[in-house]
Amino acid sequence: TKLKIILLIPLRKNNRKILRKITCNGIVVRQAYMKNNGKYSYDTGI
């Protein structure tokens, strides 16, 4: 599955914390049905 991805990466610039927005495209390469903290979800590699 092809996806548009938006990531927020925390960085330090001039002694201040900032968030850098990264936009890219990705493809689902792995997925497993998992139980996490009592809830079911799909652990997904992109």
All heavy atoms as atom14 arrays in JSON, in Angstrom:
{
  "sequence": "TKLKIILLIPLRKNNRKILRKITCNGIVVRQAYMKNNGKYSYDTGI",
  "atom14_mask": [
    [1, 1, 1, 1, 1, 1, 1, 0, 0, 0, 0, 0, 0, 0],
    [1, 1, 1, 1, 1, 1, 1, 1, 1, 0, 0, 0, 0, 0],
    [1, 1, 1, 1, 1, 1, 1, 1, 0, 0, 0, 0, 0, 0],
    [1, 1, 1, 1, 1, 1, 1, 1, 1, 0, 0, 0, 0, 0],
    [1, 1, 1, 1, 1, 1, 1, 1, 0, 0, 0, 0, 0, 0],
    [1, 1, 1, 1, 1, 1, 1, 1, 0, 0, 0, 0, 0, 0],
    [1, 1, 1, 1, 1, 1, 1, 1, 0, 0, 0, 0, 0, 0],
    [1, 1, 1, 1, 1, 1, 1, 1, 0, 0, 0, 0, 0, 0],
    [1, 1, 1, 1, 1, 1, 1, 1, 0, 0, 0, 0, 0, 0],
    [1, 1, 1, 1, 1, 1, 1, 0, 0, 0, 0, 0, 0, 0],
    [1, 1, 1, 1, 1, 1, 1, 1, 0, 0, 0, 0, 0, 0],
    [1, 1, 1, 1, 1, 1, 1, 1, 1, 1, 1, 0, 0, 0],
    [1, 1, 1, 1, 1, 1, 1, 1, 1, 0, 0, 0, 0, 0],
    [1, 1, 1, 1, 1, 1, 1, 1, 0, 0, 0, 0, 0, 0],
    [1, 1, 1, 1, 1, 1, 1, 1, 0, 0, 0, 0, 0, 0],
    [1, 1, 1, 1, 1, 1, 1, 1, 1, 1, 1, 0, 0, 0],
    [1, 1, 1, 1, 1, 1, 1, 1, 1, 0, 0, 0, 0, 0],
    [1, 1, 1, 1, 1, 1, 1, 1, 0, 0, 0, 0, 0, 0],
    [1, 1, 1, 1, 1, 1, 1, 1, 0, 0, 0, 0, 0, 0],
    [1, 1, 1, 1, 1, 1, 1, 1, 1, 1, 1, 0, 0, 0],
    [1, 1, 1, 1, 1, 1, 1, 1, 1, 0, 0, 0, 0, 0],
    [1, 1, 1, 1, 1, 1, 1, 1, 0, 0, 0, 0, 0, 0],
    [1, 1, 1, 1, 1, 1, 1, 0, 0, 0, 0, 0, 0, 0],
    [1, 1, 1, 1, 1, 1, 0, 0, 0, 0, 0, 0, 0, 0],
    [1, 1, 1, 1, 1, 1, 1, 1, 0, 0, 0, 0, 0, 0],
    [1, 1, 1, 1, 0, 0, 0, 0, 0, 0, 0, 0, 0, 0],
    [1, 1, 1, 1, 1, 1, 1, 1, 0, 0, 0, 0, 0, 0],
    [1, 1, 1, 1, 1, 1, 1, 0, 0, 0, 0, 0, 0, 0],
    [1, 1, 1, 1, 1, 1, 1, 0, 0, 0, 0, 0, 0, 0],
    [1, 1, 1, 1, 1, 1, 1, 1, 1, 1, 1, 0, 0, 0],
    [1, 1, 1, 1, 1, 1, 1, 1, 1, 0, 0, 0, 0, 0],
    [1, 1, 1, 1, 1, 0, 0, 0, 0, 0, 0, 0, 0, 0],
    [1, 1, 1, 1, 1, 1, 1, 1, 1, 1, 1, 1, 0, 0],
    [1, 1, 1, 1, 1, 1, 1, 1, 0, 0, 0, 0, 0, 0],
    [1, 1, 1, 1, 1, 1, 1, 1, 1, 0, 0, 0, 0, 0],
    [1, 1, 1, 1, 1, 1, 1, 1, 0, 0, 0, 0, 0, 0],
    [1, 1, 1, 1, 1, 1, 1, 1, 0, 0, 0, 0, 0, 0],
    [1, 1, 1, 1, 0, 0, 0, 0, 0, 0, 0, 0, 0, 0],
    [1, 1, 1, 1, 1, 1, 1, 1, 1, 0, 0, 0, 0, 0],
    [1, 1, 1, 1, 1, 1, 1, 1, 1, 1, 1, 1, 0, 0],
    [1, 1, 1, 1, 1, 1, 0, 0, 0, 0, 0, 0, 0, 0],
    [1, 1, 1, 1, 1, 1, 1, 1, 1, 1, 1, 1, 0, 0],
    [1, 1, 1, 1, 1, 1, 1, 1, 0, 0, 0, 0, 0, 0],
    [1, 1, 1, 1, 1, 1, 1, 0, 0, 0, 0, 0, 0, 0],
    [1, 1, 1, 1, 0, 0, 0, 0, 0, 0, 0, 0, 0, 0],
    [1, 1, 1, 1, 1, 1, 1, 1, 0, 0, 0, 0, 0, 0]
  ],
  "atom14_positions": [
    [[0.85, -1.19, 0.0], [0.0, 0.0, 0.0], [0.89, 1.24, 0.0], [1.82, 1.36, 0.8], [-0.91, 0.03, 1.25], [-1.78, -1.1, 1.21], [-1.74, 1.3, 1.31], [0.0, 0.0, 0.0], [0.0, 0.0, 0.0], [0.0, 0.0, 0.0], [0.0, 0.0, 0.0], [0.0, 0.0, 0.0], [0.0, 0.0, 0.0], [0.0, 0.0, 0.0]],
    [[0.6, 2.17, -0.9], [1.37, 3.42, -0.98], [0.73, 4.45, -0.06], [-0.49, 4.62, -0.06], [1.38, 3.93, -2.42], [2.13, 3.02, -3.36], [2.1, 3.53, -4.77], [2.82, 2.56, -5.69], [2.79, 3.01, -7.08], [0.0, 0.0, 0.0], [0.0, 0.0, 0.0], [0.0, 0.0, 0.0], [0.0, 0.0, 0.0], [0.0, 0.0, 0.0]],
    [[1.56, 5.13, 0.72], [1.09, 6.11, 1.69], [1.88, 7.4, 1.6], [3.07, 7.4, 1.3], [1.27, 5.56, 3.12], [0.54, 4.28, 3.48], [1.07, 3.72, 4.78], [-0.95, 4.53, 3.56], [0.0, 0.0, 0.0], [0.0, 0.0, 0.0], [0.0, 0.0, 0.0], [0.0, 0.0, 0.0], [0.0, 0.0, 0.0], [0.0, 0.0, 0.0]],
    [[1.19, 8.5, 1.88], [1.87, 9.77, 2.11], [2.14, 9.81, 3.62], [1.26, 9.48, 4.42], [0.99, 10.95, 1.71], [1.64, 12.29, 1.99], [0.72, 13.43, 1.59], [1.31, 14.75, 2.0], [0.36, 15.84, 1.74], [0.0, 0.0, 0.0], [0.0, 0.0, 0.0], [0.0, 0.0, 0.0], [0.0, 0.0, 0.0], [0.0, 0.0, 0.0]],
    [[3.34, 10.2, 4.0], [3.76, 10.18, 5.4], [4.14, 11.59, 5.84], [4.87, 12.29, 5.14], [4.96, 9.24, 5.6], [4.57, 7.82, 5.18], [5.48, 9.28, 7.02], [5.75, 6.9, 5.02], [0.0, 0.0, 0.0], [0.0, 0.0, 0.0], [0.0, 0.0, 0.0], [0.0, 0.0, 0.0], [0.0, 0.0, 0.0], [0.0, 0.0, 0.0]],
    [[3.64, 11.96, 7.01], [4.05, 13.22, 7.63], [4.6, 12.89, 9.01], [3.9, 12.32, 9.84], [2.88, 14.22, 7.73], [2.33, 14.52, 6.33], [3.34, 15.49, 8.44], [1.03, 15.28, 6.32], [0.0, 0.0, 0.0], [0.0, 0.0, 0.0], [0.0, 0.0, 0.0], [0.0, 0.0, 0.0], [0.0, 0.0, 0.0], [0.0, 0.0, 0.0]],
    [[5.86, 13.21, 9.22], [6.55, 12.96, 10.49], [6.92, 14.28, 11.14], [7.26, 15.24, 10.44], [7.87, 12.23, 10.23], [7.9, 10.74, 10.15], [9.21, 10.3, 9.54], [7.72, 10.13, 11.51], [0.0, 0.0, 0.0], [0.0, 0.0, 0.0], [0.0, 0.0, 0.0], [0.0, 0.0, 0.0], [0.0, 0.0, 0.0], [0.0, 0.0, 0.0]],
    [[6.87, 14.33, 12.46], [7.35, 15.5, 13.2], [8.59, 15.08, 13.97], [8.52, 14.24, 14.87], [6.26, 16.03, 14.13], [5.02, 16.58, 13.44], [3.98, 17.01, 14.48], [5.35, 17.74, 12.52], [0.0, 0.0, 0.0], [0.0, 0.0, 0.0], [0.0, 0.0, 0.0], [0.0, 0.0, 0.0], [0.0, 0.0, 0.0], [0.0, 0.0, 0.0]],
    [[9.71, 15.67, 13.61], [11.0, 15.33, 14.21], [11.44, 16.46, 15.14], [11.61, 17.6, 14.69], [12.08, 15.12, 13.12], [11.63, 14.1, 12.08], [13.42, 14.75, 13.75], [11.54, 12.69, 12.57], [0.0, 0.0, 0.0], [0.0, 0.0, 0.0], [0.0, 0.0, 0.0], [0.0, 0.0, 0.0], [0.0, 0.0, 0.0], [0.0, 0.0, 0.0]],
    [[11.64, 16.17, 16.43], [12.1, 17.22, 17.35], [13.6, 17.49, 17.16], [14.39, 16.57, 17.09], [11.81, 16.64, 18.73], [11.81, 15.16, 18.53], [11.39, 14.91, 17.11], [0.0, 0.0, 0.0], [0.0, 0.0, 0.0], [0.0, 0.0, 0.0], [0.0, 0.0, 0.0], [0.0, 0.0, 0.0], [0.0, 0.0, 0.0], [0.0, 0.0, 0.0]],
    [[13.94, 18.75, 17.07], [15.33, 19.16, 16.9], [15.64, 20.31, 17.85], [14.75, 20.96, 18.37], [15.57, 19.64, 15.46], [15.31, 18.65, 14.34], [15.43, 19.36, 13.0], [16.28, 17.5, 14.41], [0.0, 0.0, 0.0], [0.0, 0.0, 0.0], [0.0, 0.0, 0.0], [0.0, 0.0, 0.0], [0.0, 0.0, 0.0], [0.0, 0.0, 0.0]],
    [[16.92, 20.55, 18.03], [17.37, 21.71, 18.79], [18.0, 22.69, 17.81], [18.85, 22.33, 17.0], [18.42, 21.31, 19.82], [17.86, 20.75, 21.09], [18.8, 21.18, 22.21], [18.34, 20.98, 23.55], [17.35, 21.64, 24.14], [16.66, 22.5, 23.48], [17.05, 21.43, 25.39], [0.0, 0.0, 0.0], [0.0, 0.0, 0.0], [0.0, 0.0, 0.0]],
    [[17.56, 23.95, 17.9], [18.12, 24.99, 17.04], [18.28, 26.24, 17.89], [17.32, 26.73, 18.47], [17.2, 25.26, 15.85], [17.8, 26.15, 14.81], [16.93, 26.19, 13.57], [17.62, 26.98, 12.5], [16.87, 26.98, 11.25], [0.0, 0.0, 0.0], [0.0, 0.0, 0.0], [0.0, 0.0, 0.0], [0.0, 0.0, 0.0], [0.0, 0.0, 0.0]],
    [[19.5, 26.73, 17.98], [19.8, 27.92, 18.79], [19.29, 27.75, 20.22], [18.64, 28.62, 20.77], [19.21, 29.18, 18.16], [19.77, 29.45, 16.79], [20.93, 29.14, 16.52], [18.95, 29.99, 15.91], [0.0, 0.0, 0.0], [0.0, 0.0, 0.0], [0.0, 0.0, 0.0], [0.0, 0.0, 0.0], [0.0, 0.0, 0.0], [0.0, 0.0, 0.0]],
    [[19.55, 26.58, 20.8], [19.15, 26.24, 22.18], [17.63, 26.21, 22.38], [17.16, 26.32, 23.49], [19.78, 27.2, 23.18], [20.99, 26.59, 23.84], [21.24, 25.39, 23.7], [21.73, 27.39, 24.55], [0.0, 0.0, 0.0], [0.0, 0.0, 0.0], [0.0, 0.0, 0.0], [0.0, 0.0, 0.0], [0.0, 0.0, 0.0], [0.0, 0.0, 0.0]],
    [[16.87, 26.09, 21.32], [15.41, 25.96, 21.42], [14.99, 24.65, 20.79], [15.59, 24.2, 19.83], [14.71, 27.1, 20.66], [14.85, 28.44, 21.27], [14.05, 29.48, 20.52], [13.28, 28.88, 19.43], [12.72, 29.54, 18.46], [12.84, 30.82, 18.39], [12.03, 28.93, 17.52], [0.0, 0.0, 0.0], [0.0, 0.0, 0.0], [0.0, 0.0, 0.0]],
    [[13.94, 24.08, 21.33], [13.36, 22.88, 20.73], [12.39, 23.3, 19.63], [11.55, 24.18, 19.84], [12.61, 22.05, 21.76], [13.5, 21.32, 22.73], [12.68, 20.45, 23.64], [13.57, 19.71, 24.62], [12.79, 18.85, 25.51], [0.0, 0.0, 0.0], [0.0, 0.0, 0.0], [0.0, 0.0, 0.0], [0.0, 0.0, 0.0], [0.0, 0.0, 0.0]],
    [[12.53, 22.69, 18.47], [11.61, 22.93, 17.36], [11.17, 21.59, 16.79], [11.81, 20.56, 17.02], [12.25, 23.79, 16.25], [13.45, 23.08, 15.64], [12.61, 25.17, 16.76], [13.95, 23.72, 14.36], [0.0, 0.0, 0.0], [0.0, 0.0, 0.0], [0.0, 0.0, 0.0], [0.0, 0.0, 0.0], [0.0, 0.0, 0.0], [0.0, 0.0, 0.0]],
    [[10.07, 21.6, 16.06], [9.61, 20.41, 15.36], [9.81, 20.62, 13.87], [9.39, 21.63, 13.32], [8.13, 20.13, 15.64], [7.79, 19.61, 17.03], [6.28, 19.48, 17.17], [8.46, 18.28, 17.29], [0.0, 0.0, 0.0], [0.0, 0.0, 0.0], [0.0, 0.0, 0.0], [0.0, 0.0, 0.0], [0.0, 0.0, 0.0], [0.0, 0.0, 0.0]],
    [[10.47, 19.68, 13.24], [10.68, 19.73, 11.79], [9.69, 18.77, 11.14], [9.65, 17.6, 11.47], [12.11, 19.34, 11.46], [12.4, 19.15, 10.0], [12.66, 20.48, 9.3], [12.86, 20.25, 7.89], [14.03, 20.07, 7.31], [15.14, 20.1, 8.03], [14.11, 19.85, 6.02], [0.0, 0.0, 0.0], [0.0, 0.0, 0.0], [0.0, 0.0, 0.0]],
    [[8.9, 19.29, 10.23], [7.91, 18.48, 9.52], [8.57, 17.85, 8.3], [9.11, 18.54, 7.45], [6.73, 19.36, 9.1], [5.63, 18.63, 8.41], [4.51, 19.62, 8.08], [3.42, 19.0, 7.28], [2.36, 19.98, 6.96], [0.0, 0.0, 0.0], [0.0, 0.0, 0.0], [0.0, 0.0, 0.0], [0.0, 0.0, 0.0], [0.0, 0.0, 0.0]],
    [[8.5, 16.52, 8.24], [9.04, 15.76, 7.12], [7.87, 15.14, 6.38], [7.04, 14.45, 6.98], [9.98, 14.63, 7.59], [11.09, 15.15, 8.48], [10.47, 13.79, 6.43], [12.27, 15.72, 7.8], [0.0, 0.0, 0.0], [0.0, 0.0, 0.0], [0.0, 0.0, 0.0], [0.0, 0.0, 0.0], [0.0, 0.0, 0.0], [0.0, 0.0, 0.0]],
    [[7.78, 15.39, 5.09], [6.73, 14.79, 4.26], [7.41, 13.93, 3.2], [8.34, 14.39, 2.52], [5.88, 15.88, 3.57], [5.3, 16.71, 4.59], [4.76, 15.26, 2.75], [0.0, 0.0, 0.0], [0.0, 0.0, 0.0], [0.0, 0.0, 0.0], [0.0, 0.0, 0.0], [0.0, 0.0, 0.0], [0.0, 0.0, 0.0], [0.0, 0.0, 0.0]],
    [[6.99, 12.67, 3.12], [7.57, 11.75, 2.14], [6.53, 10.7, 1.76], [5.39, 10.76, 2.22], [8.83, 11.1, 2.69], [8.57, 10.08, 4.16], [0.0, 0.0, 0.0], [0.0, 0.0, 0.0], [0.0, 0.0, 0.0], [0.0, 0.0, 0.0], [0.0, 0.0, 0.0], [0.0, 0.0, 0.0], [0.0, 0.0, 0.0], [0.0, 0.0, 0.0]],
    [[6.91, 9.77, 0.94], [6.04, 8.67, 0.55], [6.64, 7.36, 1.02], [7.86, 7.21, 1.09], [5.83, 8.63, -0.96], [5.06, 9.83, -1.46], [4.08, 10.24, -0.85], [5.51, 10.41, -2.55], [0.0, 0.0, 0.0], [0.0, 0.0, 0.0], [0.0, 0.0, 0.0], [0.0, 0.0, 0.0], [0.0, 0.0, 0.0], [0.0, 0.0, 0.0]],
    [[5.76, 6.42, 1.33], [6.22, 5.13, 1.79], [5.34, 4.0, 1.29], [4.26, 4.24, 0.74], [0.0, 0.0, 0.0], [0.0, 0.0, 0.0], [0.0, 0.0, 0.0], [0.0, 0.0, 0.0], [0.0, 0.0, 0.0], [0.0, 0.0, 0.0], [0.0, 0.0, 0.0], [0.0, 0.0, 0.0], [0.0, 0.0, 0.0], [0.0, 0.0, 0.0]],
    [[5.82, 2.78, 1.49], [5.11, 1.57, 1.09], [5.08, 0.62, 2.29], [6.1, 0.42, 2.95], [5.83, 0.88, -0.08], [5.84, 1.77, -1.31], [5.18, -0.45, -0.42], [6.65, 1.22, -2.47], [0.0, 0.0, 0.0], [0.0, 0.0, 0.0], [0.0, 0.0, 0.0], [0.0, 0.0, 0.0], [0.0, 0.0, 0.0], [0.0, 0.0, 0.0]],
    [[3.91, 0.04, 2.54], [3.78, -0.95, 3.61], [4.54, -2.21, 3.19], [4.25, -2.79, 2.14], [2.3, -1.29, 3.89], [2.19, -2.41, 4.92], [1.54, -0.06, 4.35], [0.0, 0.0, 0.0], [0.0, 0.0, 0.0], [0.0, 0.0, 0.0], [0.0, 0.0, 0.0], [0.0, 0.0, 0.0], [0.0, 0.0, 0.0], [0.0, 0.0, 0.0]],
    [[5.52, -2.62, 4.0], [6.31, -3.8, 3.67], [6.11, -4.94, 4.66], [6.51, -6.08, 4.4], [7.82, -3.46, 3.57], [8.08, -2.56, 2.37], [8.34, -2.84, 4.85], [0.0, 0.0, 0.0], [0.0, 0.0, 0.0], [0.0, 0.0, 0.0], [0.0, 0.0, 0.0], [0.0, 0.0, 0.0], [0.0, 0.0, 0.0], [0.0, 0.0, 0.0]],
    [[5.46, -4.64, 5.79], [5.23, -5.69, 6.8], [4.07, -5.25, 7.67], [3.9, -4.08, 7.97], [6.49, -5.84, 7.64], [6.46, -6.92, 8.64], [7.83, -7.12, 9.26], [8.67, -5.92, 9.21], [9.35, -5.44, 10.22], [9.31, -6.03, 11.38], [10.09, -4.38, 10.09], [0.0, 0.0, 0.0], [0.0, 0.0, 0.0], [0.0, 0.0, 0.0]],
    [[3.26, -6.25, 8.09], [2.18, -5.95, 9.02], [1.82, -7.21, 9.8], [1.74, -8.29, 9.24], [0.95, -5.41, 8.3], [-0.07, -4.82, 9.29], [-1.12, -3.99, 8.6], [-1.82, -4.48, 7.75], [-1.25, -2.73, 9.01], [0.0, 0.0, 0.0], [0.0, 0.0, 0.0], [0.0, 0.0, 0.0], [0.0, 0.0, 0.0], [0.0, 0.0, 0.0]],
    [[1.64, -7.04, 11.11], [1.28, -8.16, 11.99], [0.19, -7.72, 12.95], [0.26, -6.63, 13.51], [2.51, -8.63, 12.77], [0.0, 0.0, 0.0], [0.0, 0.0, 0.0], [0.0, 0.0, 0.0], [0.0, 0.0, 0.0], [0.0, 0.0, 0.0], [0.0, 0.0, 0.0], [0.0, 0.0, 0.0], [0.0, 0.0, 0.0], [0.0, 0.0, 0.0]],
    [[-0.81, -8.56, 13.13], [-1.91, -8.28, 14.05], [-1.4, -8.56, 15.46], [-0.96, -9.67, 15.76], [-3.09, -9.18, 13.7], [-4.39, -8.84, 14.39], [-4.95, -7.58, 14.29], [-5.06, -9.8, 15.14], [-6.15, -7.27, 14.91], [-6.26, -9.51, 15.77], [-6.8, -8.25, 15.64], [-7.98, -7.95, 16.26], [0.0, 0.0, 0.0], [0.0, 0.0, 0.0]],
    [[-1.44, -7.56, 16.34], [-0.84, -7.68, 17.67], [-1.78, -7.17, 18.75], [-2.65, -6.35, 18.49], [0.44, -6.83, 17.74], [1.48, -7.12, 16.69], [2.22, -8.74, 16.85], [3.19, -8.5, 18.3], [0.0, 0.0, 0.0], [0.0, 0.0, 0.0], [0.0, 0.0, 0.0], [0.0, 0.0, 0.0], [0.0, 0.0, 0.0], [0.0, 0.0, 0.0]],
    [[-1.55, -7.66, 19.96], [-2.25, -7.13, 21.13], [-1.26, -6.23, 21.86], [-0.21, -6.68, 22.31], [-2.71, -8.27, 22.04], [-3.55, -7.8, 23.2], [-4.1, -8.97, 24.0], [-5.01, -8.47, 25.1], [-5.59, -9.58, 25.87], [0.0, 0.0, 0.0], [0.0, 0.0, 0.0], [0.0, 0.0, 0.0], [0.0, 0.0, 0.0], [0.0, 0.0, 0.0]],
    [[-1.59, -4.94, 21.94], [-0.74, -3.95, 22.6], [-1.53, -3.27, 23.7], [-2.55, -2.64, 23.44], [-0.27, -2.88, 21.6], [0.67, -3.43, 20.55], [1.53, -4.22, 20.86], [0.49, -3.01, 19.31], [0.0, 0.0, 0.0], [0.0, 0.0, 0.0], [0.0, 0.0, 0.0], [0.0, 0.0, 0.0], [0.0, 0.0, 0.0], [0.0, 0.0, 0.0]],
    [[-1.07, -3.39, 24.93], [-1.73, -2.75, 26.08], [-3.22, -3.07, 26.14], [-4.05, -2.2, 26.37], [-1.52, -1.23, 26.04], [-0.06, -0.85, 26.15], [0.69, -1.5, 26.86], [0.34, 0.18, 25.45], [0.0, 0.0, 0.0], [0.0, 0.0, 0.0], [0.0, 0.0, 0.0], [0.0, 0.0, 0.0], [0.0, 0.0, 0.0], [0.0, 0.0, 0.0]],
    [[-3.57, -4.33, 25.89], [-4.95, -4.76, 25.98], [-5.8, -4.45, 24.76], [-6.97, -4.83, 24.7], [0.0, 0.0, 0.0], [0.0, 0.0, 0.0], [0.0, 0.0, 0.0], [0.0, 0.0, 0.0], [0.0, 0.0, 0.0], [0.0, 0.0, 0.0], [0.0, 0.0, 0.0], [0.0, 0.0, 0.0], [0.0, 0.0, 0.0], [0.0, 0.0, 0.0]],
    [[-5.24, -3.77, 23.78], [-5.96, -3.44, 22.55], [-5.28, -4.12, 21.37], [-4.07, -4.31, 21.37], [-5.98, -1.93, 22.32], [-6.71, -1.15, 23.38], [-6.67, 0.32, 23.06], [-7.4, 1.12, 24.13], [-7.36, 2.55, 23.87], [0.0, 0.0, 0.0], [0.0, 0.0, 0.0], [0.0, 0.0, 0.0], [0.0, 0.0, 0.0], [0.0, 0.0, 0.0]],
    [[-6.08, -4.45, 20.38], [-5.52, -5.05, 19.18], [-5.22, -3.98, 18.14], [-6.0, -3.04, 17.96], [-6.47, -6.11, 18.61], [-6.49, -7.35, 19.45], [-7.43, -7.52, 20.46], [-5.54, -8.35, 19.26], [-7.42, -8.66, 21.25], [-5.52, -9.49, 20.04], [-6.48, -9.64, 21.03], [-6.46, -10.77, 21.81], [0.0, 0.0, 0.0], [0.0, 0.0, 0.0]],
    [[-4.1, -4.13, 17.48], [-3.71, -3.2, 16.42], [-2.83, -3.95, 15.43], [-2.52, -5.13, 15.61], [-2.96, -2.01, 17.02], [-1.75, -2.43, 17.6], [0.0, 0.0, 0.0], [0.0, 0.0, 0.0], [0.0, 0.0, 0.0], [0.0, 0.0, 0.0], [0.0, 0.0, 0.0], [0.0, 0.0, 0.0], [0.0, 0.0, 0.0], [0.0, 0.0, 0.0]],
    [[-2.42, -3.26, 14.42], [-1.54, -3.83, 13.41], [-0.18, -3.15, 13.48], [-0.08, -1.94, 13.21], [-2.15, -3.62, 12.01], [-3.44, -4.37, 11.8], [-4.66, -3.77, 12.1], [-3.43, -5.66, 11.3], [-5.85, -4.46, 11.9], [-4.62, -6.36, 11.1], [-5.81, -5.75, 11.4], [-7.0, -6.43, 11.21], [0.0, 0.0, 0.0], [0.0, 0.0, 0.0]],
    [[0.84, -3.9, 13.88], [2.19, -3.37, 13.86], [2.64, -3.36, 12.41], [2.61, -4.4, 11.74], [3.12, -4.21, 14.72], [2.97, -3.92, 16.2], [2.14, -3.06, 16.54], [3.68, -4.54, 17.0], [0.0, 0.0, 0.0], [0.0, 0.0, 0.0], [0.0, 0.0, 0.0], [0.0, 0.0, 0.0], [0.0, 0.0, 0.0], [0.0, 0.0, 0.0]],
    [[3.04, -2.19, 11.93], [3.23, -1.99, 10.49], [4.61, -1.42, 10.19], [5.01, -0.42, 10.78], [2.13, -1.02, 9.97], [0.85, -1.56, 10.33], [2.22, -0.85, 8.48], [0.0, 0.0, 0.0], [0.0, 0.0, 0.0], [0.0, 0.0, 0.0], [0.0, 0.0, 0.0], [0.0, 0.0, 0.0], [0.0, 0.0, 0.0], [0.0, 0.0, 0.0]],
    [[5.31, -2.06, 9.28], [6.6, -1.57, 8.8], [6.41, -0.84, 7.48], [5.76, -1.36, 6.56], [0.0, 0.0, 0.0], [0.0, 0.0, 0.0], [0.0, 0.0, 0.0], [0.0, 0.0, 0.0], [0.0, 0.0, 0.0], [0.0, 0.0, 0.0], [0.0, 0.0, 0.0], [0.0, 0.0, 0.0], [0.0, 0.0, 0.0], [0.0, 0.0, 0.0]],
    [[6.94, 0.37, 7.4], [6.78, 1.21, 6.21], [8.16, 1.64, 5.72], [8.95, 2.2, 6.48], [5.91, 2.43, 6.51], [4.53, 1.99, 7.02], [5.77, 3.31, 5.27], [3.71, 3.1, 7.63], [0.0, 0.0, 0.0], [0.0, 0.0, 0.0], [0.0, 0.0, 0.0], [0.0, 0.0, 0.0], [0.0, 0.0, 0.0], [0.0, 0.0, 0.0]]
  ]
}
